[in-house]
N, C-alpha and C. Protein backbone atom coordinates (compact mmCIF):
# COMPACT_ATOMS: atom_id res chain seq x y z
N UNK A 1 0.82 -1.19 0.00
CA UNK A 1 0.00 0.00 0.00
C UNK A 1 0.86 1.26 0.00
N UNK A 2 1.93 1.27 0.80
CA UNK A 2 2.81 2.42 0.84
C UNK A 2 3.46 2.66 -0.51
N UNK A 3 3.86 1.61 -1.18
CA UNK A 3 4.46 1.75 -2.51
C UNK A 3 3.45 2.34 -3.49
N UNK A 4 2.21 1.93 -3.41
CA UNK A 4 1.18 2.46 -4.30
C UNK A 4 0.99 3.95 -4.07
N UNK A 5 0.91 4.37 -2.81
CA UNK A 5 0.78 5.79 -2.52
C UNK A 5 1.99 6.55 -3.03
N UNK A 6 3.18 6.03 -2.79
CA UNK A 6 4.41 6.69 -3.23
C UNK A 6 4.43 6.82 -4.75
N UNK A 7 4.05 5.76 -5.44
CA UNK A 7 3.98 5.83 -6.91
C UNK A 7 2.95 6.85 -7.36
N UNK A 8 1.79 6.86 -6.73
CA UNK A 8 0.74 7.83 -7.10
C UNK A 8 1.14 9.25 -6.77
N UNK A 9 1.98 9.42 -5.75
CA UNK A 9 2.41 10.77 -5.38
C UNK A 9 3.28 11.38 -6.47
N UNK A 10 4.13 10.59 -7.08
CA UNK A 10 5.09 11.11 -8.05
C UNK A 10 4.78 10.76 -9.50
N UNK A 11 4.07 9.66 -9.76
CA UNK A 11 3.88 9.17 -11.12
C UNK A 11 2.45 9.37 -11.60
N UNK A 12 2.33 9.68 -12.90
CA UNK A 12 1.00 9.82 -13.48
C UNK A 12 0.45 8.45 -13.88
N UNK A 13 -0.68 8.44 -14.56
CA UNK A 13 -1.32 7.17 -14.92
C UNK A 13 -0.52 6.36 -15.92
N UNK A 14 0.46 6.99 -16.58
CA UNK A 14 1.31 6.28 -17.54
C UNK A 14 2.60 5.78 -16.90
N UNK A 15 2.78 6.06 -15.61
CA UNK A 15 3.98 5.64 -14.91
C UNK A 15 5.14 6.61 -15.02
N UNK A 16 4.90 7.78 -15.61
CA UNK A 16 5.95 8.79 -15.74
C UNK A 16 5.98 9.67 -14.50
N UNK A 17 7.18 9.99 -14.02
CA UNK A 17 7.31 10.90 -12.89
C UNK A 17 7.00 12.32 -13.38
N UNK A 18 6.05 12.96 -12.71
CA UNK A 18 5.62 14.30 -13.11
C UNK A 18 5.83 15.24 -11.94
N UNK A 19 6.90 16.04 -12.04
CA UNK A 19 7.16 17.07 -11.05
C UNK A 19 7.01 18.43 -11.72
N UNK A 20 7.53 18.56 -12.91
CA UNK A 20 7.52 19.81 -13.65
C UNK A 20 6.76 19.60 -14.95
N UNK A 21 5.92 20.55 -15.30
CA UNK A 21 5.20 20.52 -16.57
C UNK A 21 5.38 21.87 -17.23
N UNK A 22 5.12 21.92 -18.51
CA UNK A 22 5.14 23.21 -19.19
C UNK A 22 4.14 24.13 -18.51
N UNK A 23 4.49 25.40 -18.34
CA UNK A 23 3.52 26.32 -17.73
C UNK A 23 2.28 26.44 -18.61
N UNK A 24 1.15 26.51 -17.98
CA UNK A 24 -0.08 26.68 -18.74
C UNK A 24 -0.49 28.15 -18.73
N UNK A 25 -1.63 28.44 -19.30
CA UNK A 25 -2.10 29.82 -19.47
C UNK A 25 -2.17 30.57 -18.14
N UNK A 26 -2.67 29.92 -17.08
CA UNK A 26 -2.85 30.62 -15.80
C UNK A 26 -1.51 30.94 -15.14
N UNK A 27 -0.52 30.08 -15.28
CA UNK A 27 0.80 30.39 -14.73
C UNK A 27 1.48 31.51 -15.51
N UNK A 28 1.31 31.48 -16.81
CA UNK A 28 1.88 32.55 -17.64
C UNK A 28 1.21 33.88 -17.30
N UNK A 29 -0.13 33.87 -17.15
CA UNK A 29 -0.86 35.09 -16.78
C UNK A 29 -0.39 35.60 -15.43
N UNK A 30 -0.24 34.69 -14.45
CA UNK A 30 0.24 35.09 -13.13
C UNK A 30 1.60 35.78 -13.23
N UNK A 31 2.52 35.17 -13.98
CA UNK A 31 3.86 35.74 -14.12
C UNK A 31 3.81 37.12 -14.76
N UNK A 32 3.04 37.25 -15.84
CA UNK A 32 2.94 38.54 -16.54
C UNK A 32 2.35 39.61 -15.61
N UNK A 33 1.28 39.26 -14.89
CA UNK A 33 0.66 40.23 -13.98
C UNK A 33 1.60 40.62 -12.83
N UNK A 34 2.38 39.69 -12.34
CA UNK A 34 3.34 40.01 -11.27
C UNK A 34 4.40 40.99 -11.79
N UNK A 35 4.91 40.71 -12.98
CA UNK A 35 5.93 41.60 -13.55
C UNK A 35 5.35 42.99 -13.80
N UNK A 36 4.14 43.05 -14.36
CA UNK A 36 3.52 44.36 -14.63
C UNK A 36 3.26 45.09 -13.32
N UNK A 37 2.81 44.37 -12.29
CA UNK A 37 2.53 45.05 -11.01
C UNK A 37 3.81 45.58 -10.37
N UNK A 38 4.93 44.90 -10.59
CA UNK A 38 6.19 45.40 -10.05
C UNK A 38 6.70 46.61 -10.83
N UNK A 39 6.36 46.70 -12.11
CA UNK A 39 6.84 47.80 -12.93
C UNK A 39 5.91 49.01 -12.91
N UNK A 40 4.68 48.84 -12.46
CA UNK A 40 3.73 49.95 -12.42
C UNK A 40 3.67 50.54 -11.01
N UNK A 41 2.90 51.61 -10.87
CA UNK A 41 2.83 52.27 -9.58
C UNK A 41 1.38 52.69 -9.32
N UNK A 42 1.10 53.00 -8.08
CA UNK A 42 -0.21 53.48 -7.68
C UNK A 42 -1.29 52.42 -7.82
N UNK A 43 -2.44 52.86 -8.30
CA UNK A 43 -3.60 51.99 -8.44
C UNK A 43 -3.38 50.87 -9.44
N UNK A 44 -2.59 51.14 -10.48
CA UNK A 44 -2.33 50.10 -11.47
C UNK A 44 -1.59 48.91 -10.86
N UNK A 45 -0.67 49.21 -9.98
CA UNK A 45 0.08 48.14 -9.33
C UNK A 45 -0.86 47.25 -8.51
N UNK A 46 -1.78 47.87 -7.81
CA UNK A 46 -2.74 47.11 -7.00
C UNK A 46 -3.65 46.25 -7.87
N UNK A 47 -4.12 46.79 -8.98
CA UNK A 47 -4.99 46.04 -9.88
C UNK A 47 -4.27 44.83 -10.45
N UNK A 48 -3.05 45.02 -10.92
CA UNK A 48 -2.31 43.90 -11.50
C UNK A 48 -1.90 42.88 -10.43
N UNK A 49 -1.68 43.33 -9.22
CA UNK A 49 -1.40 42.41 -8.13
C UNK A 49 -2.61 41.53 -7.84
N UNK A 50 -3.79 42.11 -7.85
CA UNK A 50 -5.02 41.32 -7.63
C UNK A 50 -5.27 40.38 -8.80
N UNK A 51 -4.99 40.82 -10.01
CA UNK A 51 -5.13 39.92 -11.17
C UNK A 51 -4.17 38.75 -11.07
N UNK A 52 -2.96 39.02 -10.60
CA UNK A 52 -1.98 37.95 -10.41
C UNK A 52 -2.48 36.95 -9.37
N UNK A 53 -3.05 37.45 -8.28
CA UNK A 53 -3.60 36.56 -7.25
C UNK A 53 -4.73 35.72 -7.83
N UNK A 54 -5.60 36.34 -8.61
CA UNK A 54 -6.70 35.60 -9.23
C UNK A 54 -6.20 34.50 -10.16
N UNK A 55 -5.19 34.82 -10.95
CA UNK A 55 -4.65 33.83 -11.89
C UNK A 55 -4.01 32.65 -11.16
N UNK A 56 -3.26 32.91 -10.08
CA UNK A 56 -2.60 31.82 -9.37
C UNK A 56 -3.62 30.99 -8.59
N UNK A 57 -4.69 31.61 -8.12
CA UNK A 57 -5.75 30.85 -7.44
C UNK A 57 -6.46 29.92 -8.43
N UNK A 58 -6.73 30.42 -9.62
CA UNK A 58 -7.35 29.57 -10.65
C UNK A 58 -6.42 28.42 -11.01
N UNK A 59 -5.13 28.70 -11.17
CA UNK A 59 -4.17 27.64 -11.47
C UNK A 59 -4.18 26.59 -10.36
N UNK A 60 -4.18 27.05 -9.11
CA UNK A 60 -4.16 26.12 -7.97
C UNK A 60 -5.42 25.26 -7.95
N UNK A 61 -6.56 25.86 -8.23
CA UNK A 61 -7.81 25.09 -8.26
C UNK A 61 -7.77 24.02 -9.35
N UNK A 62 -7.25 24.37 -10.52
CA UNK A 62 -7.11 23.37 -11.59
C UNK A 62 -6.17 22.25 -11.17
N UNK A 63 -5.08 22.58 -10.48
CA UNK A 63 -4.15 21.55 -10.02
C UNK A 63 -4.81 20.64 -9.00
N UNK A 64 -5.59 21.21 -8.10
CA UNK A 64 -6.26 20.40 -7.08
C UNK A 64 -7.22 19.42 -7.73
N UNK A 65 -7.96 19.87 -8.72
CA UNK A 65 -9.00 19.04 -9.35
C UNK A 65 -8.42 18.11 -10.43
N UNK A 66 -7.48 18.62 -11.23
CA UNK A 66 -7.02 17.87 -12.40
C UNK A 66 -5.53 17.52 -12.36
N UNK A 67 -4.87 17.70 -11.23
CA UNK A 67 -3.44 17.42 -11.16
C UNK A 67 -3.11 15.99 -11.54
N UNK A 68 -2.02 15.81 -12.26
CA UNK A 68 -1.65 14.48 -12.77
C UNK A 68 -1.19 13.55 -11.65
N UNK A 69 -0.67 14.09 -10.57
CA UNK A 69 -0.16 13.27 -9.47
C UNK A 69 -0.61 13.88 -8.15
N UNK A 70 -0.44 13.11 -7.08
CA UNK A 70 -0.74 13.65 -5.75
C UNK A 70 0.18 14.82 -5.42
N UNK A 71 1.41 14.78 -5.92
CA UNK A 71 2.33 15.90 -5.71
C UNK A 71 1.76 17.19 -6.29
N UNK A 72 1.27 17.11 -7.53
CA UNK A 72 0.72 18.30 -8.18
C UNK A 72 -0.53 18.80 -7.44
N UNK A 73 -1.35 17.88 -6.94
CA UNK A 73 -2.55 18.27 -6.19
C UNK A 73 -2.17 18.90 -4.86
N UNK A 74 -1.15 18.34 -4.20
CA UNK A 74 -0.67 18.91 -2.95
C UNK A 74 -0.09 20.30 -3.19
N UNK A 75 0.65 20.44 -4.27
CA UNK A 75 1.20 21.75 -4.64
C UNK A 75 0.08 22.76 -4.85
N UNK A 76 -1.00 22.33 -5.51
CA UNK A 76 -2.15 23.21 -5.71
C UNK A 76 -2.76 23.66 -4.40
N UNK A 77 -2.90 22.74 -3.44
CA UNK A 77 -3.46 23.09 -2.13
C UNK A 77 -2.56 24.09 -1.41
N UNK A 78 -1.26 23.85 -1.43
CA UNK A 78 -0.32 24.75 -0.75
C UNK A 78 -0.33 26.14 -1.38
N UNK A 79 -0.31 26.20 -2.70
CA UNK A 79 -0.32 27.50 -3.39
C UNK A 79 -1.63 28.23 -3.11
N UNK A 80 -2.74 27.50 -3.10
CA UNK A 80 -4.03 28.12 -2.80
C UNK A 80 -4.04 28.69 -1.38
N UNK A 81 -3.57 27.93 -0.41
CA UNK A 81 -3.54 28.42 0.97
C UNK A 81 -2.65 29.65 1.14
N UNK A 82 -1.48 29.61 0.54
CA UNK A 82 -0.57 30.75 0.65
C UNK A 82 -1.13 31.97 -0.07
N UNK A 83 -1.71 31.78 -1.25
CA UNK A 83 -2.27 32.89 -2.01
C UNK A 83 -3.43 33.55 -1.29
N UNK A 84 -4.33 32.74 -0.78
CA UNK A 84 -5.49 33.31 -0.09
C UNK A 84 -5.10 33.95 1.22
N UNK A 85 -4.19 33.35 1.95
CA UNK A 85 -3.77 33.97 3.22
C UNK A 85 -3.04 35.28 2.96
N UNK A 86 -2.27 35.33 1.90
CA UNK A 86 -1.59 36.56 1.54
C UNK A 86 -2.58 37.63 1.08
N UNK A 87 -3.56 37.23 0.30
CA UNK A 87 -4.57 38.17 -0.21
C UNK A 87 -5.39 38.78 0.92
N UNK A 88 -5.64 37.99 1.96
CA UNK A 88 -6.44 38.49 3.07
C UNK A 88 -5.59 38.96 4.25
N UNK A 89 -4.27 39.03 4.03
CA UNK A 89 -3.38 39.58 5.05
C UNK A 89 -3.20 38.71 6.27
N UNK A 90 -3.32 37.40 6.10
CA UNK A 90 -3.18 36.50 7.24
C UNK A 90 -1.74 36.09 7.50
N UNK A 91 -0.89 36.24 6.49
CA UNK A 91 0.53 35.97 6.64
C UNK A 91 0.90 34.55 6.98
N UNK A 92 0.43 33.61 6.15
CA UNK A 92 0.75 32.20 6.36
C UNK A 92 2.20 31.93 6.11
């Protein structure tokens, strides 16, 4: 049973180890919004920062629901918790 969990944690349904995947649209959007928010000032910076948070939350939700491995799903949960705690000023 432990071996099965360990395999499911790291390997997808084809038996391939999946730790890194090509970035998808939501990760690219998050990165672009973060860069724009760092380069802008005032209200624009705040807007792009919130857009970045929205994009990373959507990415995390997709990982939780559709992640190829337990690792990817766990990563989605961690990113979601950190993003939401940061957005609401909880400082996780």
